[in-house]
All heavy atoms as atom14 arrays in JSON, in Angstrom:
{
  "sequence": "ISRDNAKNTVCLQMSSLKPEDTGVYFCNIDPRPITVDGTDYWGQG",
  "atom14_mask": [
    [1, 1, 1, 1, 1, 1, 1, 1, 0, 0, 0, 0, 0, 0],
    [1, 1, 1, 1, 1, 1, 0, 0, 0, 0, 0, 0, 0, 0],
    [1, 1, 1, 1, 1, 1, 1, 1, 1, 1, 1, 0, 0, 0],
    [1, 1, 1, 1, 1, 1, 1, 1, 0, 0, 0, 0, 0, 0],
    [1, 1, 1, 1, 1, 1, 1, 1, 0, 0, 0, 0, 0, 0],
    [1, 1, 1, 1, 1, 0, 0, 0, 0, 0, 0, 0, 0, 0],
    [1, 1, 1, 1, 1, 1, 1, 1, 1, 0, 0, 0, 0, 0],
    [1, 1, 1, 1, 1, 1, 1, 1, 0, 0, 0, 0, 0, 0],
    [1, 1, 1, 1, 1, 1, 1, 0, 0, 0, 0, 0, 0, 0],
    [1, 1, 1, 1, 1, 1, 1, 0, 0, 0, 0, 0, 0, 0],
    [1, 1, 1, 1, 1, 1, 0, 0, 0, 0, 0, 0, 0, 0],
    [1, 1, 1, 1, 1, 1, 1, 1, 0, 0, 0, 0, 0, 0],
    [1, 1, 1, 1, 1, 1, 1, 1, 1, 0, 0, 0, 0, 0],
    [1, 1, 1, 1, 1, 1, 1, 1, 0, 0, 0, 0, 0, 0],
    [1, 1, 1, 1, 1, 1, 0, 0, 0, 0, 0, 0, 0, 0],
    [1, 1, 1, 1, 1, 1, 0, 0, 0, 0, 0, 0, 0, 0],
    [1, 1, 1, 1, 1, 1, 1, 1, 0, 0, 0, 0, 0, 0],
    [1, 1, 1, 1, 1, 1, 1, 1, 1, 0, 0, 0, 0, 0],
    [1, 1, 1, 1, 1, 1, 1, 0, 0, 0, 0, 0, 0, 0],
    [1, 1, 1, 1, 1, 1, 1, 1, 1, 0, 0, 0, 0, 0],
    [1, 1, 1, 1, 1, 1, 1, 1, 0, 0, 0, 0, 0, 0],
    [1, 1, 1, 1, 1, 1, 1, 0, 0, 0, 0, 0, 0, 0],
    [1, 1, 1, 1, 0, 0, 0, 0, 0, 0, 0, 0, 0, 0],
    [1, 1, 1, 1, 1, 1, 1, 0, 0, 0, 0, 0, 0, 0],
    [1, 1, 1, 1, 1, 1, 1, 1, 1, 1, 1, 1, 0, 0],
    [1, 1, 1, 1, 1, 1, 1, 1, 1, 1, 1, 0, 0, 0],
    [1, 1, 1, 1, 1, 1, 0, 0, 0, 0, 0, 0, 0, 0],
    [1, 1, 1, 1, 1, 1, 1, 1, 0, 0, 0, 0, 0, 0],
    [1, 1, 1, 1, 1, 1, 1, 1, 0, 0, 0, 0, 0, 0],
    [1, 1, 1, 1, 1, 1, 1, 1, 0, 0, 0, 0, 0, 0],
    [1, 1, 1, 1, 1, 1, 1, 0, 0, 0, 0, 0, 0, 0],
    [1, 1, 1, 1, 1, 1, 1, 1, 1, 1, 1, 0, 0, 0],
    [1, 1, 1, 1, 1, 1, 1, 0, 0, 0, 0, 0, 0, 0],
    [1, 1, 1, 1, 1, 1, 1, 1, 0, 0, 0, 0, 0, 0],
    [1, 1, 1, 1, 1, 1, 1, 0, 0, 0, 0, 0, 0, 0],
    [1, 1, 1, 1, 1, 1, 1, 0, 0, 0, 0, 0, 0, 0],
    [1, 1, 1, 1, 1, 1, 1, 1, 0, 0, 0, 0, 0, 0],
    [1, 1, 1, 1, 0, 0, 0, 0, 0, 0, 0, 0, 0, 0],
    [1, 1, 1, 1, 1, 1, 1, 0, 0, 0, 0, 0, 0, 0],
    [1, 1, 1, 1, 1, 1, 1, 1, 0, 0, 0, 0, 0, 0],
    [1, 1, 1, 1, 1, 1, 1, 1, 1, 1, 1, 1, 0, 0],
    [1, 1, 1, 1, 1, 1, 1, 1, 1, 1, 1, 1, 1, 1],
    [1, 1, 1, 1, 0, 0, 0, 0, 0, 0, 0, 0, 0, 0],
    [1, 1, 1, 1, 1, 1, 1, 1, 1, 0, 0, 0, 0, 0],
    [1, 1, 1, 1, 0, 0, 0, 0, 0, 0, 0, 0, 0, 0]
  ],
  "atom14_positions": [
    [[144.98, -35.46, 4.44], [143.99, -34.64, 5.13], [142.74, -34.52, 4.27], [142.81, -34.49, 3.04], [144.58, -33.24, 5.46], [143.66, -32.47, 6.41], [144.86, -32.45, 4.2], [144.3, -31.18, 6.95], [0.0, 0.0, 0.0], [0.0, 0.0, 0.0], [0.0, 0.0, 0.0], [0.0, 0.0, 0.0], [0.0, 0.0, 0.0], [0.0, 0.0, 0.0]],
    [[141.6, -34.48, 4.92], [140.34, -34.31, 4.22], [139.36, -33.57, 5.12], [139.59, -33.43, 6.33], [139.75, -35.67, 3.8], [139.49, -36.48, 4.92], [0.0, 0.0, 0.0], [0.0, 0.0, 0.0], [0.0, 0.0, 0.0], [0.0, 0.0, 0.0], [0.0, 0.0, 0.0], [0.0, 0.0, 0.0], [0.0, 0.0, 0.0], [0.0, 0.0, 0.0]],
    [[138.28, -33.07, 4.53], [137.27, -32.4, 5.33], [135.89, -32.65, 4.77], [135.72, -32.94, 3.58], [137.54, -30.89, 5.41], [137.36, -30.13, 4.11], [137.86, -28.69, 4.25], [137.09, -27.93, 5.23], [137.51, -26.82, 5.82], [138.72, -26.34, 5.54], [136.72, -26.19, 6.69], [0.0, 0.0, 0.0], [0.0, 0.0, 0.0], [0.0, 0.0, 0.0]],
    [[134.91, -32.54, 5.63], [133.51, -32.67, 5.25], [132.8, -31.46, 5.85], [132.49, -31.44, 7.05], [132.92, -33.98, 5.76], [131.51, -34.22, 5.27], [130.83, -33.26, 4.85], [131.08, -35.39, 5.3], [0.0, 0.0, 0.0], [0.0, 0.0, 0.0], [0.0, 0.0, 0.0], [0.0, 0.0, 0.0], [0.0, 0.0, 0.0], [0.0, 0.0, 0.0]],
    [[132.56, -30.46, 5.03], [131.97, -29.22, 5.54], [130.52, -29.41, 6.0], [130.03, -28.64, 6.82], [132.06, -28.12, 4.49], [133.46, -27.58, 4.35], [134.35, -27.88, 5.16], [133.69, -26.77, 3.32], [0.0, 0.0, 0.0], [0.0, 0.0, 0.0], [0.0, 0.0, 0.0], [0.0, 0.0, 0.0], [0.0, 0.0, 0.0], [0.0, 0.0, 0.0]],
    [[129.85, -30.42, 5.46], [128.49, -30.69, 5.89], [128.45, -31.23, 7.31], [127.44, -31.1, 8.01], [127.81, -31.67, 4.94], [0.0, 0.0, 0.0], [0.0, 0.0, 0.0], [0.0, 0.0, 0.0], [0.0, 0.0, 0.0], [0.0, 0.0, 0.0], [0.0, 0.0, 0.0], [0.0, 0.0, 0.0], [0.0, 0.0, 0.0], [0.0, 0.0, 0.0]],
    [[129.54, -31.85, 7.74], [129.62, -32.43, 9.08], [130.55, -31.65, 10.0], [130.73, -32.05, 11.15], [130.09, -33.88, 8.99], [129.13, -34.79, 8.25], [129.65, -36.22, 8.22], [128.68, -37.14, 7.51], [129.18, -38.53, 7.46], [0.0, 0.0, 0.0], [0.0, 0.0, 0.0], [0.0, 0.0, 0.0], [0.0, 0.0, 0.0], [0.0, 0.0, 0.0]],
    [[131.13, -30.57, 9.5], [132.08, -29.76, 10.29], [133.21, -30.61, 10.86], [133.54, -30.53, 12.05], [131.36, -29.03, 11.42], [130.59, -27.82, 10.93], [130.37, -27.63, 9.74], [130.16, -26.98, 11.87], [0.0, 0.0, 0.0], [0.0, 0.0, 0.0], [0.0, 0.0, 0.0], [0.0, 0.0, 0.0], [0.0, 0.0, 0.0], [0.0, 0.0, 0.0]],
    [[133.78, -31.45, 10.02], [134.87, -32.31, 10.45], [136.05, -32.21, 9.51], [135.9, -31.98, 8.31], [134.44, -33.78, 10.55], [133.99, -34.25, 9.28], [133.33, -33.96, 11.58], [0.0, 0.0, 0.0], [0.0, 0.0, 0.0], [0.0, 0.0, 0.0], [0.0, 0.0, 0.0], [0.0, 0.0, 0.0], [0.0, 0.0, 0.0], [0.0, 0.0, 0.0]],
    [[137.22, -32.39, 10.07], [138.44, -32.54, 9.3], [139.15, -33.78, 9.82], [139.18, -34.02, 11.04], [139.34, -31.28, 9.37], [139.71, -30.95, 10.82], [140.58, -31.43, 8.51], [0.0, 0.0, 0.0], [0.0, 0.0, 0.0], [0.0, 0.0, 0.0], [0.0, 0.0, 0.0], [0.0, 0.0, 0.0], [0.0, 0.0, 0.0], [0.0, 0.0, 0.0]],
    [[139.68, -34.58, 8.91], [140.3, -35.84, 9.27], [141.74, -35.89, 8.8], [142.14, -35.17, 7.88], [139.54, -37.01, 8.67], [137.86, -37.21, 9.31], [0.0, 0.0, 0.0], [0.0, 0.0, 0.0], [0.0, 0.0, 0.0], [0.0, 0.0, 0.0], [0.0, 0.0, 0.0], [0.0, 0.0, 0.0], [0.0, 0.0, 0.0], [0.0, 0.0, 0.0]],
    [[142.49, -36.75, 9.43], [143.87, -37.01, 9.03], [144.08, -38.51, 9.0], [144.09, -39.16, 10.05], [144.86, -36.35, 9.99], [146.33, -36.4, 9.58], [146.58, -35.51, 8.36], [147.23, -35.97, 10.74], [0.0, 0.0, 0.0], [0.0, 0.0, 0.0], [0.0, 0.0, 0.0], [0.0, 0.0, 0.0], [0.0, 0.0, 0.0], [0.0, 0.0, 0.0]],
    [[144.2, -39.05, 7.8], [144.49, -40.47, 7.62], [146.0, -40.63, 7.63], [146.7, -40.08, 6.79], [143.9, -40.98, 6.31], [144.22, -42.43, 6.0], [143.58, -43.38, 6.98], [142.38, -43.3, 7.21], [144.38, -44.29, 7.55], [0.0, 0.0, 0.0], [0.0, 0.0, 0.0], [0.0, 0.0, 0.0], [0.0, 0.0, 0.0], [0.0, 0.0, 0.0]],
    [[146.5, -41.39, 8.58], [147.93, -41.58, 8.77], [148.29, -43.02, 8.46], [147.74, -43.95, 9.06], [148.34, -41.23, 10.19], [147.91, -39.83, 10.64], [148.57, -39.39, 12.26], [147.8, -40.65, 13.27], [0.0, 0.0, 0.0], [0.0, 0.0, 0.0], [0.0, 0.0, 0.0], [0.0, 0.0, 0.0], [0.0, 0.0, 0.0], [0.0, 0.0, 0.0]],
    [[149.21, -43.21, 7.53], [149.66, -44.53, 7.14], [151.18, -44.59, 7.24], [151.85, -43.57, 7.35], [149.21, -44.85, 5.72], [147.8, -44.84, 5.6], [0.0, 0.0, 0.0], [0.0, 0.0, 0.0], [0.0, 0.0, 0.0], [0.0, 0.0, 0.0], [0.0, 0.0, 0.0], [0.0, 0.0, 0.0], [0.0, 0.0, 0.0], [0.0, 0.0, 0.0]],
    [[151.69, -45.82, 7.16], [153.14, -46.03, 7.25], [153.74, -45.29, 8.43], [154.76, -44.6, 8.31], [153.82, -45.62, 5.94], [153.3, -46.34, 4.85], [0.0, 0.0, 0.0], [0.0, 0.0, 0.0], [0.0, 0.0, 0.0], [0.0, 0.0, 0.0], [0.0, 0.0, 0.0], [0.0, 0.0, 0.0], [0.0, 0.0, 0.0], [0.0, 0.0, 0.0]],
    [[153.11, -45.43, 9.57], [153.5, -44.67, 10.75], [154.9, -45.01, 11.21], [155.35, -46.16, 11.11], [152.51, -44.9, 11.88], [151.17, -44.18, 11.73], [150.13, -44.78, 12.66], [151.34, -42.69, 12.0], [0.0, 0.0, 0.0], [0.0, 0.0, 0.0], [0.0, 0.0, 0.0], [0.0, 0.0, 0.0], [0.0, 0.0, 0.0], [0.0, 0.0, 0.0]],
    [[155.57, -43.99, 11.72], [156.92, -44.1, 12.23], [156.94, -43.67, 13.69], [156.1, -42.88, 14.12], [157.87, -43.21, 11.43], [157.9, -43.49, 9.94], [158.78, -42.47, 9.22], [158.83, -42.74, 7.73], [159.68, -41.74, 7.03], [0.0, 0.0, 0.0], [0.0, 0.0, 0.0], [0.0, 0.0, 0.0], [0.0, 0.0, 0.0], [0.0, 0.0, 0.0]],
    [[157.91, -44.16, 14.46], [158.0, -43.73, 15.85], [158.06, -42.21, 16.01], [157.52, -41.67, 16.99], [159.29, -44.39, 16.35], [159.4, -45.62, 15.52], [158.89, -45.22, 14.15], [0.0, 0.0, 0.0], [0.0, 0.0, 0.0], [0.0, 0.0, 0.0], [0.0, 0.0, 0.0], [0.0, 0.0, 0.0], [0.0, 0.0, 0.0], [0.0, 0.0, 0.0]],
    [[158.67, -41.51, 15.08], [158.76, -40.06, 15.16], [157.43, -39.35, 14.92], [157.34, -38.13, 15.08], [159.83, -39.52, 14.2], [159.7, -40.03, 12.78], [160.63, -41.2, 12.49], [160.71, -42.12, 13.33], [161.28, -41.19, 11.43], [0.0, 0.0, 0.0], [0.0, 0.0, 0.0], [0.0, 0.0, 0.0], [0.0, 0.0, 0.0], [0.0, 0.0, 0.0]],
    [[156.39, -40.09, 14.55], [155.05, -39.53, 14.45], [154.36, -39.44, 15.81], [153.27, -38.87, 15.9], [154.18, -40.36, 13.52], [154.66, -40.34, 12.08], [155.08, -39.26, 11.6], [154.61, -41.4, 11.43], [0.0, 0.0, 0.0], [0.0, 0.0, 0.0], [0.0, 0.0, 0.0], [0.0, 0.0, 0.0], [0.0, 0.0, 0.0], [0.0, 0.0, 0.0]],
    [[154.98, -39.99, 16.83], [154.4, -39.97, 18.17], [154.22, -38.54, 18.66], [155.11, -37.7, 18.51], [155.29, -40.76, 19.13], [155.28, -42.13, 18.77], [154.81, -40.62, 20.57], [0.0, 0.0, 0.0], [0.0, 0.0, 0.0], [0.0, 0.0, 0.0], [0.0, 0.0, 0.0], [0.0, 0.0, 0.0], [0.0, 0.0, 0.0], [0.0, 0.0, 0.0]],
    [[153.08, -38.27, 19.26], [152.81, -36.96, 19.82], [151.33, -36.75, 20.03], [150.51, -37.62, 19.75], [0.0, 0.0, 0.0], [0.0, 0.0, 0.0], [0.0, 0.0, 0.0], [0.0, 0.0, 0.0], [0.0, 0.0, 0.0], [0.0, 0.0, 0.0], [0.0, 0.0, 0.0], [0.0, 0.0, 0.0], [0.0, 0.0, 0.0], [0.0, 0.0, 0.0]],
    [[151.0, -35.59, 20.53], [149.61, -35.19, 20.69], [149.22, -34.37, 19.47], [149.89, -33.39, 19.14], [149.39, -34.38, 21.97], [147.93, -34.0, 22.12], [149.85, -35.18, 23.19], [0.0, 0.0, 0.0], [0.0, 0.0, 0.0], [0.0, 0.0, 0.0], [0.0, 0.0, 0.0], [0.0, 0.0, 0.0], [0.0, 0.0, 0.0], [0.0, 0.0, 0.0]],
    [[148.15, -34.77, 18.82], [147.71, -34.13, 17.58], [146.53, -33.21, 17.84], [145.57, -33.59, 18.5], [147.33, -35.19, 16.55], [148.53, -35.86, 15.9], [149.36, -36.69, 16.63], [148.83, -35.63, 14.56], [150.47, -37.28, 16.05], [149.93, -36.22, 13.97], [150.75, -37.05, 14.72], [151.85, -37.65, 14.12], [0.0, 0.0, 0.0], [0.0, 0.0, 0.0]],
    [[146.63, -32.0, 17.29], [145.61, -30.98, 17.45], [145.12, -30.49, 16.09], [145.9, -30.43, 15.14], [146.16, -29.77, 18.21], [146.69, -30.05, 19.58], [148.02, -30.4, 19.78], [145.86, -29.96, 20.68], [148.51, -30.65, 21.04], [146.34, -30.21, 21.96], [147.67, -30.56, 22.14], [0.0, 0.0, 0.0], [0.0, 0.0, 0.0], [0.0, 0.0, 0.0]],
    [[143.88, -30.1, 16.02], [143.37, -29.4, 14.85], [143.07, -27.96, 15.22], [142.85, -27.63, 16.38], [142.11, -30.08, 14.29], [140.68, -30.07, 15.39], [0.0, 0.0, 0.0], [0.0, 0.0, 0.0], [0.0, 0.0, 0.0], [0.0, 0.0, 0.0], [0.0, 0.0, 0.0], [0.0, 0.0, 0.0], [0.0, 0.0, 0.0], [0.0, 0.0, 0.0]],
    [[143.06, -27.09, 14.21], [142.71, -25.7, 14.43], [142.51, -25.04, 13.07], [142.74, -25.66, 12.03], [143.77, -24.96, 15.25], [143.17, -23.97, 16.22], [142.34, -23.14, 15.84], [143.57, -24.05, 17.48], [0.0, 0.0, 0.0], [0.0, 0.0, 0.0], [0.0, 0.0, 0.0], [0.0, 0.0, 0.0], [0.0, 0.0, 0.0], [0.0, 0.0, 0.0]],
    [[142.1, -23.79, 13.08], [142.03, -23.04, 11.84], [143.45, -22.69, 11.4], [144.39, -22.74, 12.19], [141.16, -21.78, 11.97], [141.76, -20.78, 12.98], [139.74, -22.14, 12.37], [141.04, -19.43, 12.97], [0.0, 0.0, 0.0], [0.0, 0.0, 0.0], [0.0, 0.0, 0.0], [0.0, 0.0, 0.0], [0.0, 0.0, 0.0], [0.0, 0.0, 0.0]],
    [[143.6, -22.36, 10.16], [144.89, -22.1, 9.54], [144.93, -20.66, 9.04], [143.96, -20.22, 8.4], [145.07, -23.09, 8.38], [146.48, -23.18, 7.85], [147.41, -22.62, 8.47], [146.66, -23.84, 6.81], [0.0, 0.0, 0.0], [0.0, 0.0, 0.0], [0.0, 0.0, 0.0], [0.0, 0.0, 0.0], [0.0, 0.0, 0.0], [0.0, 0.0, 0.0]],
    [[146.02, -19.91, 9.27], [147.28, -20.31, 9.87], [147.44, -20.03, 11.35], [148.42, -20.47, 11.96], [148.28, -19.46, 9.08], [147.55, -18.17, 8.86], [146.11, -18.58, 8.64], [0.0, 0.0, 0.0], [0.0, 0.0, 0.0], [0.0, 0.0, 0.0], [0.0, 0.0, 0.0], [0.0, 0.0, 0.0], [0.0, 0.0, 0.0], [0.0, 0.0, 0.0]],
    [[146.5, -19.29, 11.93], [146.58, -18.95, 13.34], [145.48, -19.66, 14.1], [144.4, -19.9, 13.56], [146.47, -17.44, 13.54], [147.65, -16.64, 13.02], [148.77, -16.62, 14.03], [148.34, -16.05, 15.3], [148.49, -16.63, 16.48], [149.08, -17.8, 16.58], [148.06, -16.02, 17.57], [0.0, 0.0, 0.0], [0.0, 0.0, 0.0], [0.0, 0.0, 0.0]],
    [[145.72, -19.95, 15.39], [144.65, -20.58, 16.18], [143.44, -19.67, 16.29], [143.56, -18.44, 16.29], [145.31, -20.79, 17.54], [146.78, -20.74, 17.29], [146.96, -19.78, 16.15], [0.0, 0.0, 0.0], [0.0, 0.0, 0.0], [0.0, 0.0, 0.0], [0.0, 0.0, 0.0], [0.0, 0.0, 0.0], [0.0, 0.0, 0.0], [0.0, 0.0, 0.0]],
    [[142.29, -20.28, 16.4], [141.09, -19.51, 16.67], [141.16, -18.96, 18.09], [141.78, -19.55, 18.96], [139.83, -20.38, 16.45], [138.59, -19.51, 16.33], [139.69, -21.42, 17.55], [137.39, -20.26, 15.75], [0.0, 0.0, 0.0], [0.0, 0.0, 0.0], [0.0, 0.0, 0.0], [0.0, 0.0, 0.0], [0.0, 0.0, 0.0], [0.0, 0.0, 0.0]],
    [[140.56, -17.79, 18.29], [140.61, -17.16, 19.61], [139.23, -17.12, 20.24], [138.21, -16.99, 19.56], [141.18, -15.74, 19.54], [140.37, -14.92, 18.69], [142.61, -15.76, 19.0], [0.0, 0.0, 0.0], [0.0, 0.0, 0.0], [0.0, 0.0, 0.0], [0.0, 0.0, 0.0], [0.0, 0.0, 0.0], [0.0, 0.0, 0.0], [0.0, 0.0, 0.0]],
    [[139.22, -17.22, 21.54], [138.02, -17.08, 22.35], [138.34, -16.05, 23.43], [139.24, -16.26, 24.24], [137.6, -18.42, 22.99], [136.39, -18.21, 23.9], [137.29, -19.45, 21.91], [0.0, 0.0, 0.0], [0.0, 0.0, 0.0], [0.0, 0.0, 0.0], [0.0, 0.0, 0.0], [0.0, 0.0, 0.0], [0.0, 0.0, 0.0], [0.0, 0.0, 0.0]],
    [[137.6, -14.95, 23.42], [137.83, -13.86, 24.37], [139.29, -13.4, 24.36], [139.88, -13.15, 25.42], [137.39, -14.26, 25.77], [135.91, -14.51, 25.87], [135.14, -13.87, 25.12], [135.5, -15.35, 26.7], [0.0, 0.0, 0.0], [0.0, 0.0, 0.0], [0.0, 0.0, 0.0], [0.0, 0.0, 0.0], [0.0, 0.0, 0.0], [0.0, 0.0, 0.0]],
    [[139.87, -13.32, 23.18], [141.23, -12.83, 23.03], [142.32, -13.82, 23.32], [143.51, -13.46, 23.25], [0.0, 0.0, 0.0], [0.0, 0.0, 0.0], [0.0, 0.0, 0.0], [0.0, 0.0, 0.0], [0.0, 0.0, 0.0], [0.0, 0.0, 0.0], [0.0, 0.0, 0.0], [0.0, 0.0, 0.0], [0.0, 0.0, 0.0], [0.0, 0.0, 0.0]],
    [[141.97, -15.06, 23.62], [142.94, -16.08, 23.96], [142.88, -17.22, 22.95], [141.79, -17.66, 22.57], [142.68, -16.64, 25.37], [142.74, -15.57, 26.32], [143.71, -17.69, 25.75], [0.0, 0.0, 0.0], [0.0, 0.0, 0.0], [0.0, 0.0, 0.0], [0.0, 0.0, 0.0], [0.0, 0.0, 0.0], [0.0, 0.0, 0.0], [0.0, 0.0, 0.0]],
    [[144.06, -17.71, 22.53], [144.11, -18.85, 21.62], [143.37, -20.03, 22.22], [143.56, -20.37, 23.39], [145.54, -19.25, 21.33], [146.28, -18.26, 20.46], [145.64, -17.32, 19.95], [147.51, -18.41, 20.3], [0.0, 0.0, 0.0], [0.0, 0.0, 0.0], [0.0, 0.0, 0.0], [0.0, 0.0, 0.0], [0.0, 0.0, 0.0], [0.0, 0.0, 0.0]],
    [[142.55, -20.66, 21.4], [141.81, -21.83, 21.83], [142.38, -23.08, 21.18], [142.61, -23.11, 19.97], [140.33, -21.7, 21.47], [139.54, -22.96, 21.74], [138.96, -23.18, 22.98], [139.4, -23.94, 20.76], [138.26, -24.34, 23.24], [138.7, -25.1, 21.01], [138.13, -25.3, 22.26], [137.44, -26.46, 22.51], [0.0, 0.0, 0.0], [0.0, 0.0, 0.0]],
    [[142.56, -24.1, 21.99], [142.98, -25.41, 21.52], [142.1, -26.48, 22.14], [141.69, -26.35, 23.3], [144.44, -25.7, 21.88], [145.43, -24.8, 21.21], [145.91, -23.61, 21.69], [146.03, -25.01, 19.94], [146.79, -23.07, 20.78], [146.89, -23.91, 19.71], [145.95, -26.02, 18.97], [147.65, -23.79, 18.53], [146.7, -25.9, 17.82], [147.53, -24.8, 17.61]],
    [[141.82, -27.52, 21.37], [141.12, -28.66, 21.92], [142.02, -29.47, 22.82], [143.16, -29.08, 23.12], [0.0, 0.0, 0.0], [0.0, 0.0, 0.0], [0.0, 0.0, 0.0], [0.0, 0.0, 0.0], [0.0, 0.0, 0.0], [0.0, 0.0, 0.0], [0.0, 0.0, 0.0], [0.0, 0.0, 0.0], [0.0, 0.0, 0.0], [0.0, 0.0, 0.0]],
    [[141.52, -30.61, 23.24], [142.29, -31.45, 24.16], [143.38, -32.24, 23.45], [144.29, -32.75, 24.1], [141.34, -32.42, 24.89], [140.96, -33.68, 24.13], [139.92, -33.47, 23.04], [139.44, -32.37, 22.81], [139.57, -34.56, 22.36], [0.0, 0.0, 0.0], [0.0, 0.0, 0.0], [0.0, 0.0, 0.0], [0.0, 0.0, 0.0], [0.0, 0.0, 0.0]],
    [[143.31, -32.33, 22.13], [144.25, -33.13, 21.37], [143.97, -34.62, 21.51], [143.19, -35.05, 22.36], [0.0, 0.0, 0.0], [0.0, 0.0, 0.0], [0.0, 0.0, 0.0], [0.0, 0.0, 0.0], [0.0, 0.0, 0.0], [0.0, 0.0, 0.0], [0.0, 0.0, 0.0], [0.0, 0.0, 0.0], [0.0, 0.0, 0.0], [0.0, 0.0, 0.0]]
  ]
}
């Protein structure tokens, strides 16, 4: 995992991938999701 605060981005470099890595990947603030109008916000993944 890495981040670039100047670009407001966080990245995940994934190597040696396994079938069990399959899924929809989401980013968010840690440790709880960010909220919008009292509701957890998630991107599209």
